[in-house]
Amino acid sequence: MHPLCPAHGSKIFRSADFIIKYYFKIYASIFKYFIERFSCLG
């Protein structure tokens, strides 16, 4: 194995994990917003 591969891979996975958590927070807030809107209408 090349010594740079694990560090490079961990950097990619760390940024991907950050992006996934960031978008999950956005989608969760949007989902919560729509749930509150529809519950008010209902």
C-alpha atoms as a PDB file:
ATOM      1  CA  MET A   1       0.000   0.000   0.000  1.00  0.00           C
ATOM      2  CA  HIS A   2       1.133   3.528  -0.679  1.00  0.00           C
ATOM      3  CA  PRO A   3       1.663   5.518   2.539  1.00  0.00           C
ATOM      4  CA  LEU A   4      -0.292   8.509   1.218  1.00  0.00           C
ATOM      5  CA  CYS A   5      -3.430   6.534   0.380  1.00  0.00           C
ATOM      6  CA  PRO A   6      -4.865   6.179   3.926  1.00  0.00           C
ATOM      7  CA  ALA A   7      -4.383   9.886   4.747  1.00  0.00           C
ATOM      8  CA  HIS A   8      -5.837  10.978   1.417  1.00  0.00           C
ATOM      9  CA  GLY A   9      -8.795   8.620   1.784  1.00  0.00           C
ATOM     10  CA  SER A  10      -9.510   9.719   5.352  1.00  0.00           C
ATOM     11  CA  LYS A  11      -9.486  13.353   4.202  1.00  0.00           C
ATOM     12  CA  ILE A  12     -12.017  12.565   1.462  1.00  0.00           C
ATOM     13  CA  PHE A  13     -14.227  10.566   3.817  1.00  0.00           C
ATOM     14  CA  ARG A  14     -14.054  13.272   6.469  1.00  0.00           C
ATOM     15  CA  SER A  15     -15.233  15.944   4.011  1.00  0.00           C
ATOM     16  CA  ALA A  16     -17.925  13.605   2.665  1.00  0.00           C
ATOM     17  CA  ASP A  17     -19.120  12.942   6.223  1.00  0.00           C
ATOM     18  CA  PHE A  18     -19.319  16.695   6.824  1.00  0.00           C
ATOM     19  CA  ILE A  19     -21.290  17.226   3.602  1.00  0.00           C
ATOM     20  CA  ILE A  20     -23.691  14.383   4.447  1.00  0.00           C
ATOM     21  CA  LYS A  21     -24.339  15.792   7.929  1.00  0.00           C
ATOM     22  CA  TYR A  22     -24.747  19.323   6.526  1.00  0.00           C
ATOM     23  CA  TYR A  23     -27.282  18.299   3.896  1.00  0.00           C
ATOM     24  CA  PHE A  24     -29.070  16.040   6.376  1.00  0.00           C
ATOM     25  CA  LYS A  25     -29.578  19.041   8.678  1.00  0.00           C
ATOM     26  CA  ILE A  26     -30.945  21.101   5.761  1.00  0.00           C
ATOM     27  CA  TYR A  27     -33.330  18.365   4.601  1.00  0.00           C
ATOM     28  CA  ALA A  28     -34.438  17.676   8.174  1.00  0.00           C
ATOM     29  CA  SER A  29     -35.286  21.346   8.723  1.00  0.00           C
ATOM     30  CA  ILE A  30     -37.184  21.500   5.399  1.00  0.00           C
ATOM     31  CA  PHE A  31     -39.047  18.291   6.256  1.00  0.00           C
ATOM     32  CA  LYS A  32     -39.913  19.643   9.707  1.00  0.00           C
ATOM     33  CA  TYR A  33     -41.110  22.898   8.132  1.00  0.00           C
ATOM     34  CA  PHE A  34     -43.461  21.072   5.752  1.00  0.00           C
ATOM     35  CA  ILE A  35     -44.749  18.825   8.541  1.00  0.00           C
ATOM     36  CA  GLU A  36     -45.563  21.884  10.647  1.00  0.00           C
ATOM     37  CA  ARG A  37     -47.256  23.607   7.695  1.00  0.00           C
ATOM     38  CA  PHE A  38     -49.409  20.595   6.819  1.00  0.00           C
ATOM     39  CA  SER A  39     -50.283  19.924  10.441  1.00  0.00           C
ATOM     40  CA  CYS A  40     -51.482  23.543  10.734  1.00  0.00           C
ATOM     41  CA  LEU A  41     -53.587  23.139   7.591  1.00  0.00           C
ATOM     42  CA  GLY A  42     -55.016  19.863   8.815  1.00  0.00           C
END
